[in-house]
């Protein structure tokens, strides 16, 4: 019973570490989504839809204030997300660099910063996938969350 409790604690701790390490990639996905939204807003303004119902309609091209306000809001959101991503990158890489083993550092960097698949990491590092999983497991054991994140998780 006690062993099972200890295994659950280790698993929960590893899950918190993985969540922390994955944060950088999440920001990248958000940035791509915001960029796509900005592109869509620009396309809608460049290529307005036409209404072919035979009735006269006023042109919506005259008032650009709503378009400009939405575009400005999205660009501000993009800038903020890029900044947060940069800060997140710096913090995560700083924590990875504290590991002693170069192999463990490489596995965490390639997996969580570069977003590489396990087989790609194995190929790049010239190890078997099984050995990469071992490095990853050891890296998670040795990896330390920053103090602020540990208290937030509890």
N, C-alpha and C. Protein backbone atom coordinates (compact mmCIF):
# COMPACT_ATOMS: atom_id res chain seq x y z
N UNK A 1 0.82 -1.19 0.00
CA UNK A 1 0.00 0.00 0.00
C UNK A 1 0.87 1.26 0.00
N UNK A 2 1.89 1.24 0.84
CA UNK A 2 2.78 2.40 0.94
C UNK A 2 3.56 2.59 -0.37
N UNK A 3 3.95 1.48 -0.99
CA UNK A 3 4.69 1.55 -2.25
C UNK A 3 3.81 2.16 -3.34
N UNK A 4 2.53 1.77 -3.37
CA UNK A 4 1.60 2.30 -4.37
C UNK A 4 1.41 3.81 -4.17
N UNK A 5 1.33 4.24 -2.93
CA UNK A 5 1.19 5.66 -2.63
C UNK A 5 2.41 6.44 -3.11
N UNK A 6 3.59 5.86 -2.88
CA UNK A 6 4.83 6.50 -3.34
C UNK A 6 4.88 6.57 -4.86
N UNK A 7 4.46 5.50 -5.55
CA UNK A 7 4.42 5.50 -7.01
C UNK A 7 3.47 6.56 -7.54
N UNK A 8 2.32 6.72 -6.90
CA UNK A 8 1.36 7.76 -7.30
C UNK A 8 1.95 9.15 -7.11
N UNK A 9 2.68 9.35 -6.01
CA UNK A 9 3.31 10.65 -5.77
C UNK A 9 4.35 10.96 -6.84
N UNK A 10 5.15 9.95 -7.21
CA UNK A 10 6.16 10.14 -8.25
C UNK A 10 5.48 10.44 -9.58
N UNK A 11 4.41 9.71 -9.90
CA UNK A 11 3.68 9.94 -11.15
C UNK A 11 3.09 11.35 -11.17
N UNK A 12 2.49 11.77 -10.07
CA UNK A 12 1.92 13.13 -10.00
C UNK A 12 3.01 14.19 -10.16
N UNK A 13 4.15 13.96 -9.53
CA UNK A 13 5.26 14.91 -9.65
C UNK A 13 5.77 14.96 -11.09
N UNK A 14 5.90 13.81 -11.73
CA UNK A 14 6.34 13.77 -13.13
C UNK A 14 5.32 14.45 -14.04
N UNK A 15 4.03 14.26 -13.77
CA UNK A 15 3.00 14.93 -14.56
C UNK A 15 3.11 16.45 -14.43
N UNK A 16 3.38 16.94 -13.24
CA UNK A 16 3.56 18.39 -13.04
C UNK A 16 4.78 18.89 -13.82
N UNK A 17 5.84 18.11 -13.80
CA UNK A 17 7.05 18.49 -14.52
C UNK A 17 6.80 18.52 -16.03
N UNK A 18 6.10 17.51 -16.54
CA UNK A 18 5.79 17.48 -17.98
C UNK A 18 4.89 18.65 -18.37
N UNK A 19 3.92 18.96 -17.54
CA UNK A 19 3.04 20.10 -17.82
C UNK A 19 3.84 21.38 -17.88
N UNK A 20 4.75 21.55 -16.95
CA UNK A 20 5.62 22.73 -16.94
C UNK A 20 6.46 22.79 -18.21
N UNK A 21 7.06 21.66 -18.59
CA UNK A 21 7.92 21.62 -19.77
C UNK A 21 7.14 21.83 -21.06
N UNK A 22 5.88 21.41 -21.11
CA UNK A 22 5.06 21.56 -22.31
C UNK A 22 4.55 22.98 -22.51
N UNK A 23 4.65 23.82 -21.53
CA UNK A 23 4.09 25.17 -21.60
C UNK A 23 4.65 25.96 -22.78
N UNK A 24 5.92 25.80 -23.07
CA UNK A 24 6.55 26.55 -24.16
C UNK A 24 5.89 26.23 -25.49
N UNK A 25 5.67 24.95 -25.77
CA UNK A 25 5.06 24.54 -27.04
C UNK A 25 3.62 25.04 -27.15
N UNK A 26 2.91 25.10 -26.03
CA UNK A 26 1.53 25.60 -26.04
C UNK A 26 1.49 27.05 -26.52
N UNK A 27 2.46 27.84 -26.09
CA UNK A 27 2.50 29.24 -26.54
C UNK A 27 2.73 29.31 -28.05
N UNK A 28 3.56 28.43 -28.56
CA UNK A 28 3.79 28.40 -30.01
C UNK A 28 2.52 28.10 -30.78
N UNK A 29 1.72 27.18 -30.27
CA UNK A 29 0.45 26.85 -30.92
C UNK A 29 -0.51 28.04 -30.86
N UNK A 30 -0.54 28.73 -29.73
CA UNK A 30 -1.40 29.91 -29.61
C UNK A 30 -0.97 31.00 -30.58
N UNK A 31 0.32 31.19 -30.73
CA UNK A 31 0.83 32.20 -31.65
C UNK A 31 0.39 31.88 -33.08
N UNK A 32 0.52 30.63 -33.47
CA UNK A 32 0.10 30.24 -34.83
C UNK A 32 -1.40 30.47 -35.03
N UNK A 33 -2.19 30.17 -34.00
CA UNK A 33 -3.63 30.38 -34.11
C UNK A 33 -3.96 31.87 -34.24
N UNK A 34 -3.32 32.71 -33.44
CA UNK A 34 -3.56 34.16 -33.52
C UNK A 34 -3.14 34.69 -34.88
N UNK A 35 -2.00 34.23 -35.38
CA UNK A 35 -1.55 34.66 -36.71
C UNK A 35 -2.57 34.25 -37.78
N UNK A 36 -3.13 33.06 -37.64
CA UNK A 36 -4.15 32.61 -38.59
C UNK A 36 -5.41 33.47 -38.50
N UNK A 37 -5.78 33.83 -37.28
CA UNK A 37 -6.96 34.69 -37.09
C UNK A 37 -6.73 36.07 -37.71
N UNK A 38 -5.55 36.61 -37.53
CA UNK A 38 -5.22 37.91 -38.12
C UNK A 38 -5.28 37.82 -39.64
N UNK A 39 -4.73 36.76 -40.19
CA UNK A 39 -4.77 36.56 -41.64
C UNK A 39 -6.21 36.46 -42.13
N UNK A 40 -7.04 35.75 -41.38
CA UNK A 40 -8.45 35.60 -41.76
C UNK A 40 -9.18 36.95 -41.72
N UNK A 41 -8.91 37.74 -40.70
CA UNK A 41 -9.54 39.06 -40.60
C UNK A 41 -9.11 39.93 -41.77
N UNK A 42 -7.84 39.90 -42.10
CA UNK A 42 -7.34 40.69 -43.24
C UNK A 42 -7.96 40.21 -44.55
N UNK A 43 -8.08 38.90 -44.72
CA UNK A 43 -8.68 38.36 -45.93
C UNK A 43 -10.15 38.75 -46.05
N UNK A 44 -10.86 38.73 -44.95
CA UNK A 44 -12.27 39.11 -44.99
C UNK A 44 -12.43 40.56 -45.43
N UNK A 45 -11.52 41.40 -45.03
CA UNK A 45 -11.62 42.82 -45.40
C UNK A 45 -11.19 43.03 -46.84
N UNK A 46 -10.21 42.25 -47.29
CA UNK A 46 -9.74 42.39 -48.67
C UNK A 46 -10.74 41.81 -49.66
N UNK A 47 -11.39 40.74 -49.26
CA UNK A 47 -12.33 40.05 -50.15
C UNK A 47 -13.69 39.96 -49.47
N UNK A 48 -14.40 41.08 -49.39
CA UNK A 48 -15.69 41.04 -48.70
C UNK A 48 -16.66 40.16 -49.45
N UNK A 49 -17.54 39.52 -48.71
CA UNK A 49 -18.52 38.65 -49.35
C UNK A 49 -19.57 39.52 -50.05
N UNK A 50 -20.08 39.01 -51.12
CA UNK A 50 -21.09 39.77 -51.84
C UNK A 50 -22.45 39.12 -51.61
N UNK A 51 -23.46 39.94 -51.63
CA UNK A 51 -24.82 39.48 -51.42
C UNK A 51 -25.55 39.63 -52.75
N UNK A 52 -25.80 38.56 -53.44
CA UNK A 52 -26.42 38.60 -54.76
C UNK A 52 -27.92 38.33 -54.68
N UNK A 53 -28.62 39.09 -53.84
CA UNK A 53 -30.05 38.89 -53.72
C UNK A 53 -30.85 39.87 -54.59
N UNK A 54 -30.16 40.68 -55.38
CA UNK A 54 -30.83 41.61 -56.27
C UNK A 54 -31.25 42.91 -55.61
N UNK A 55 -31.04 43.03 -54.32
CA UNK A 55 -31.44 44.24 -53.58
C UNK A 55 -30.23 45.15 -53.42
N UNK A 56 -30.44 46.45 -53.45
CA UNK A 56 -29.32 47.37 -53.23
C UNK A 56 -28.89 47.34 -51.77
N UNK A 57 -27.59 47.35 -51.56
CA UNK A 57 -27.02 47.35 -50.21
C UNK A 57 -25.94 48.41 -50.16
N UNK A 58 -25.78 49.00 -49.00
CA UNK A 58 -24.69 49.96 -48.81
C UNK A 58 -23.38 49.21 -48.71
N UNK A 59 -22.32 49.86 -49.04
CA UNK A 59 -21.01 49.24 -48.97
C UNK A 59 -20.50 49.28 -47.54
N UNK A 60 -19.98 48.18 -47.09
CA UNK A 60 -19.40 48.15 -45.74
C UNK A 60 -17.94 48.57 -45.77
N UNK A 61 -17.45 48.94 -46.95
CA UNK A 61 -16.05 49.34 -47.08
C UNK A 61 -15.78 50.70 -46.45
N UNK A 62 -16.80 51.50 -46.26
CA UNK A 62 -16.58 52.86 -45.77
C UNK A 62 -16.10 52.93 -44.34
N UNK A 63 -16.69 52.16 -43.45
CA UNK A 63 -16.34 52.23 -42.03
C UNK A 63 -15.37 51.11 -41.69
N UNK A 64 -14.14 51.49 -41.48
CA UNK A 64 -13.10 50.51 -41.16
C UNK A 64 -12.75 50.49 -39.68
N UNK A 65 -13.48 51.25 -38.85
CA UNK A 65 -13.11 51.36 -37.45
C UNK A 65 -13.22 50.02 -36.71
N UNK A 66 -14.29 49.26 -36.97
CA UNK A 66 -14.44 47.96 -36.32
C UNK A 66 -13.35 47.00 -36.75
N UNK A 67 -13.06 47.01 -38.02
CA UNK A 67 -11.99 46.16 -38.57
C UNK A 67 -10.65 46.54 -37.95
N UNK A 68 -10.37 47.84 -37.94
CA UNK A 68 -9.08 48.31 -37.40
C UNK A 68 -8.96 47.99 -35.91
N UNK A 69 -10.05 48.16 -35.16
CA UNK A 69 -10.02 47.88 -33.72
C UNK A 69 -9.76 46.39 -33.47
N UNK A 70 -10.44 45.52 -34.22
CA UNK A 70 -10.26 44.07 -34.04
C UNK A 70 -8.85 43.65 -34.45
N UNK A 71 -8.37 44.20 -35.55
CA UNK A 71 -7.02 43.89 -36.00
C UNK A 71 -5.99 44.35 -34.97
N UNK A 72 -6.18 45.54 -34.42
CA UNK A 72 -5.28 46.07 -33.40
C UNK A 72 -5.29 45.18 -32.15
N UNK A 73 -6.47 44.74 -31.75
CA UNK A 73 -6.59 43.88 -30.58
C UNK A 73 -5.85 42.56 -30.80
N UNK A 74 -6.01 41.99 -31.99
CA UNK A 74 -5.36 40.72 -32.30
C UNK A 74 -3.84 40.87 -32.36
N UNK A 75 -3.36 41.94 -32.94
CA UNK A 75 -1.92 42.18 -33.02
C UNK A 75 -1.35 42.36 -31.61
N UNK A 76 -2.06 43.07 -30.75
CA UNK A 76 -1.61 43.24 -29.35
C UNK A 76 -1.55 41.90 -28.64
N UNK A 77 -2.54 41.07 -28.87
CA UNK A 77 -2.57 39.73 -28.27
C UNK A 77 -1.39 38.90 -28.77
N UNK A 78 -1.08 39.02 -30.05
CA UNK A 78 0.05 38.30 -30.64
C UNK A 78 1.37 38.74 -30.01
N UNK A 79 1.55 40.03 -29.86
CA UNK A 79 2.78 40.56 -29.25
C UNK A 79 2.93 40.05 -27.82
N UNK A 80 1.84 40.08 -27.08
CA UNK A 80 1.86 39.61 -25.69
C UNK A 80 2.21 38.13 -25.63
N UNK A 81 1.58 37.33 -26.48
CA UNK A 81 1.83 35.89 -26.49
C UNK A 81 3.27 35.58 -26.87
N UNK A 82 3.83 36.32 -27.81
CA UNK A 82 5.24 36.12 -28.18
C UNK A 82 6.17 36.45 -27.01
N UNK A 83 5.85 37.48 -26.26
CA UNK A 83 6.65 37.85 -25.10
C UNK A 83 6.58 36.75 -24.04
N UNK A 84 5.37 36.28 -23.75
CA UNK A 84 5.19 35.24 -22.73
C UNK A 84 5.93 33.98 -23.15
N UNK A 85 5.89 33.66 -24.43
CA UNK A 85 6.60 32.49 -24.94
C UNK A 85 8.11 32.63 -24.73
N UNK A 86 8.63 33.81 -24.99
CA UNK A 86 10.07 34.03 -24.82
C UNK A 86 10.46 33.85 -23.35
N UNK A 87 9.68 34.42 -22.45
CA UNK A 87 9.97 34.31 -21.02
C UNK A 87 9.89 32.84 -20.59
N UNK A 88 8.87 32.16 -21.06
CA UNK A 88 8.69 30.73 -20.74
C UNK A 88 9.88 29.93 -21.24
N UNK A 89 10.33 30.22 -22.45
CA UNK A 89 11.50 29.54 -23.02
C UNK A 89 12.72 29.73 -22.13
N UNK A 90 12.97 30.95 -21.74
CA UNK A 90 14.15 31.23 -20.91
C UNK A 90 14.10 30.49 -19.58
N UNK A 91 12.92 30.47 -18.95
CA UNK A 91 12.79 29.79 -17.67
C UNK A 91 12.98 28.28 -17.80
N UNK A 92 12.35 27.69 -18.81
CA UNK A 92 12.44 26.23 -18.99
C UNK A 92 13.86 25.82 -19.34
N UNK A 93 14.50 26.54 -20.24
CA UNK A 93 15.87 26.20 -20.62
C UNK A 93 16.81 26.36 -19.43
N UNK A 94 16.59 27.36 -18.62
CA UNK A 94 17.41 27.55 -17.41
C UNK A 94 17.29 26.33 -16.50
N UNK A 95 16.07 25.82 -16.34
CA UNK A 95 15.88 24.65 -15.48
C UNK A 95 16.50 23.40 -16.11
N UNK A 96 16.39 23.25 -17.42
CA UNK A 96 16.99 22.10 -18.10
C UNK A 96 18.50 22.12 -17.94
N UNK A 97 19.10 23.30 -18.06
CA UNK A 97 20.57 23.42 -17.96
C UNK A 97 21.11 23.07 -16.59
N UNK A 98 20.25 23.01 -15.59
CA UNK A 98 20.69 22.64 -14.24
C UNK A 98 20.93 21.14 -14.08
N UNK A 99 20.45 20.37 -15.04
CA UNK A 99 20.70 18.93 -14.97
C UNK A 99 22.19 18.66 -15.19
N UNK A 100 22.69 17.58 -14.61
CA UNK A 100 24.11 17.26 -14.74
C UNK A 100 24.42 16.51 -16.03
N UNK A 101 23.54 15.63 -16.42
CA UNK A 101 23.77 14.77 -17.58
C UNK A 101 23.43 15.51 -18.87
N UNK A 102 24.40 15.51 -19.79
CA UNK A 102 24.17 16.13 -21.10
C UNK A 102 23.09 15.38 -21.88
N UNK A 103 23.07 14.07 -21.74
CA UNK A 103 22.04 13.29 -22.43
C UNK A 103 20.64 13.65 -21.92
N UNK A 104 20.50 13.80 -20.64
CA UNK A 104 19.21 14.19 -20.07
C UNK A 104 18.81 15.58 -20.53
N UNK A 105 19.75 16.49 -20.55
CA UNK A 105 19.48 17.85 -21.05
C UNK A 105 19.00 17.81 -22.50
N UNK A 106 19.73 17.04 -23.31
CA UNK A 106 19.39 16.95 -24.73
C UNK A 106 17.99 16.38 -24.93
N UNK A 107 17.66 15.30 -24.22
CA UNK A 107 16.35 14.68 -24.38
C UNK A 107 15.24 15.67 -24.02
N UNK A 108 15.37 16.35 -22.89
CA UNK A 108 14.33 17.31 -22.49
C UNK A 108 14.23 18.47 -23.48
N UNK A 109 15.37 18.95 -23.94
CA UNK A 109 15.37 20.06 -24.90
C UNK A 109 14.70 19.66 -26.21
N UNK A 110 15.14 18.52 -26.74
CA UNK A 110 14.59 18.08 -28.02
C UNK A 110 13.10 17.76 -27.91
N UNK A 111 12.70 17.17 -26.81
CA UNK A 111 11.31 16.75 -26.65
C UNK A 111 10.38 17.94 -26.38
N UNK A 112 10.75 18.80 -25.43
CA UNK A 112 9.82 19.83 -24.96
C UNK A 112 10.04 21.20 -25.58
N UNK A 113 11.22 21.48 -26.05
CA UNK A 113 11.47 22.77 -26.70
C UNK A 113 11.33 22.62 -28.21
N UNK A 114 11.99 21.65 -28.78
CA UNK A 114 11.93 21.45 -30.23
C UNK A 114 10.70 20.67 -30.67
N UNK A 115 10.08 19.92 -29.74
CA UNK A 115 8.87 19.17 -30.06
C UNK A 115 9.12 17.94 -30.92
N UNK A 116 10.29 17.37 -30.80
CA UNK A 116 10.65 16.21 -31.62
C UNK A 116 9.99 14.94 -31.08
N UNK A 117 9.73 14.00 -31.98
CA UNK A 117 9.22 12.68 -31.60
C UNK A 117 10.36 11.86 -31.01
N UNK A 118 9.97 10.81 -30.28
CA UNK A 118 10.99 9.97 -29.63
C UNK A 118 11.97 9.39 -30.63
N UNK A 119 11.47 8.89 -31.75
CA UNK A 119 12.36 8.28 -32.74
C UNK A 119 13.31 9.30 -33.34
N UNK A 120 12.86 10.56 -33.49
CA UNK A 120 13.73 11.61 -34.02
C UNK A 120 14.86 11.92 -33.05
N UNK A 121 14.51 11.94 -31.76
CA UNK A 121 15.52 12.19 -30.73
C UNK A 121 16.55 11.07 -30.74
N UNK A 122 16.05 9.83 -30.82
CA UNK A 122 16.95 8.67 -30.83
C UNK A 122 17.90 8.74 -32.02
N UNK A 123 17.36 9.09 -33.18
CA UNK A 123 18.18 9.19 -34.38
C UNK A 123 19.22 10.31 -34.24
N UNK A 124 18.79 11.45 -33.73
CA UNK A 124 19.69 12.59 -33.60
C UNK A 124 20.81 12.31 -32.60
N UNK A 125 20.45 11.66 -31.48
CA UNK A 125 21.44 11.39 -30.43
C UNK A 125 22.20 10.09 -30.65
N UNK A 126 21.79 9.31 -31.67
CA UNK A 126 22.43 8.04 -32.00
C UNK A 126 22.33 7.02 -30.87
N UNK A 127 21.13 6.94 -30.28
CA UNK A 127 20.80 5.94 -29.27
C UNK A 127 19.52 5.23 -29.72
N UNK A 128 19.22 4.12 -29.06
CA UNK A 128 17.94 3.45 -29.33
C UNK A 128 16.82 4.26 -28.67
N UNK A 129 15.60 4.05 -29.16
CA UNK A 129 14.46 4.72 -28.54
C UNK A 129 14.33 4.32 -27.08
N UNK A 130 14.58 3.07 -26.81
CA UNK A 130 14.50 2.58 -25.43
C UNK A 130 15.46 3.34 -24.51
N UNK A 131 16.66 3.61 -25.00
CA UNK A 131 17.63 4.36 -24.20
C UNK A 131 17.16 5.80 -24.01
N UNK A 132 16.52 6.36 -25.03
CA UNK A 132 15.99 7.73 -24.93
C UNK A 132 14.92 7.79 -23.85
N UNK A 133 14.07 6.76 -23.79
CA UNK A 133 13.04 6.70 -22.73
C UNK A 133 13.70 6.65 -21.34
N UNK A 134 14.79 5.90 -21.24
CA UNK A 134 15.51 5.83 -19.95
C UNK A 134 16.08 7.20 -19.58
N UNK A 135 16.72 7.86 -20.55
CA UNK A 135 17.25 9.20 -20.28
C UNK A 135 16.13 10.13 -19.84
N UNK A 136 14.99 10.03 -20.52
CA UNK A 136 13.86 10.89 -20.19
C UNK A 136 13.37 10.63 -18.76
N UNK A 137 13.25 9.36 -18.40
CA UNK A 137 12.82 9.02 -17.05
C UNK A 137 13.77 9.55 -15.99
N UNK A 138 15.06 9.37 -16.24
CA UNK A 138 16.07 9.89 -15.29
C UNK A 138 16.05 11.41 -15.25
N UNK A 139 15.86 12.03 -16.40
CA UNK A 139 15.81 13.49 -16.46
C UNK A 139 14.64 14.02 -15.64
N UNK A 140 13.49 13.36 -15.74
CA UNK A 140 12.33 13.81 -14.96
C UNK A 140 12.59 13.66 -13.46
N UNK A 141 13.26 12.59 -13.07
CA UNK A 141 13.59 12.40 -11.65
C UNK A 141 14.51 13.53 -11.18
N UNK A 142 15.49 13.88 -12.00
CA UNK A 142 16.49 14.88 -11.62
C UNK A 142 16.05 16.33 -11.85
N UNK A 143 15.04 16.51 -12.68
CA UNK A 143 14.55 17.86 -13.02
C UNK A 143 13.85 18.47 -11.81
N UNK A 144 14.13 19.73 -11.58
CA UNK A 144 13.50 20.45 -10.47
C UNK A 144 12.65 21.58 -11.02
N UNK A 145 11.41 21.61 -10.56
CA UNK A 145 10.53 22.72 -10.91
C UNK A 145 10.98 23.96 -10.16
N UNK A 146 10.80 25.13 -10.75
CA UNK A 146 11.11 26.35 -10.00
C UNK A 146 10.22 26.44 -8.77
N UNK A 147 10.68 27.06 -7.74
CA UNK A 147 9.95 27.15 -6.48
C UNK A 147 8.55 27.70 -6.64
N UNK A 148 8.37 28.73 -7.47
CA UNK A 148 7.05 29.32 -7.63
C UNK A 148 6.06 28.34 -8.22
N UNK A 149 6.51 27.47 -9.13
CA UNK A 149 5.61 26.51 -9.76
C UNK A 149 5.28 25.38 -8.79
N UNK A 150 6.22 24.98 -7.94
CA UNK A 150 5.96 23.92 -6.98
C UNK A 150 4.86 24.36 -6.03
N UNK A 151 4.92 25.60 -5.53
CA UNK A 151 3.89 26.07 -4.60
C UNK A 151 2.55 26.24 -5.30
N UNK A 152 2.54 26.61 -6.58
CA UNK A 152 1.29 26.76 -7.32
C UNK A 152 0.62 25.43 -7.55
N UNK A 153 1.42 24.36 -7.69
CA UNK A 153 0.87 23.04 -7.97
C UNK A 153 0.28 22.38 -6.73
N UNK A 154 0.68 22.83 -5.54
CA UNK A 154 0.21 22.19 -4.30
C UNK A 154 -1.10 22.75 -3.85
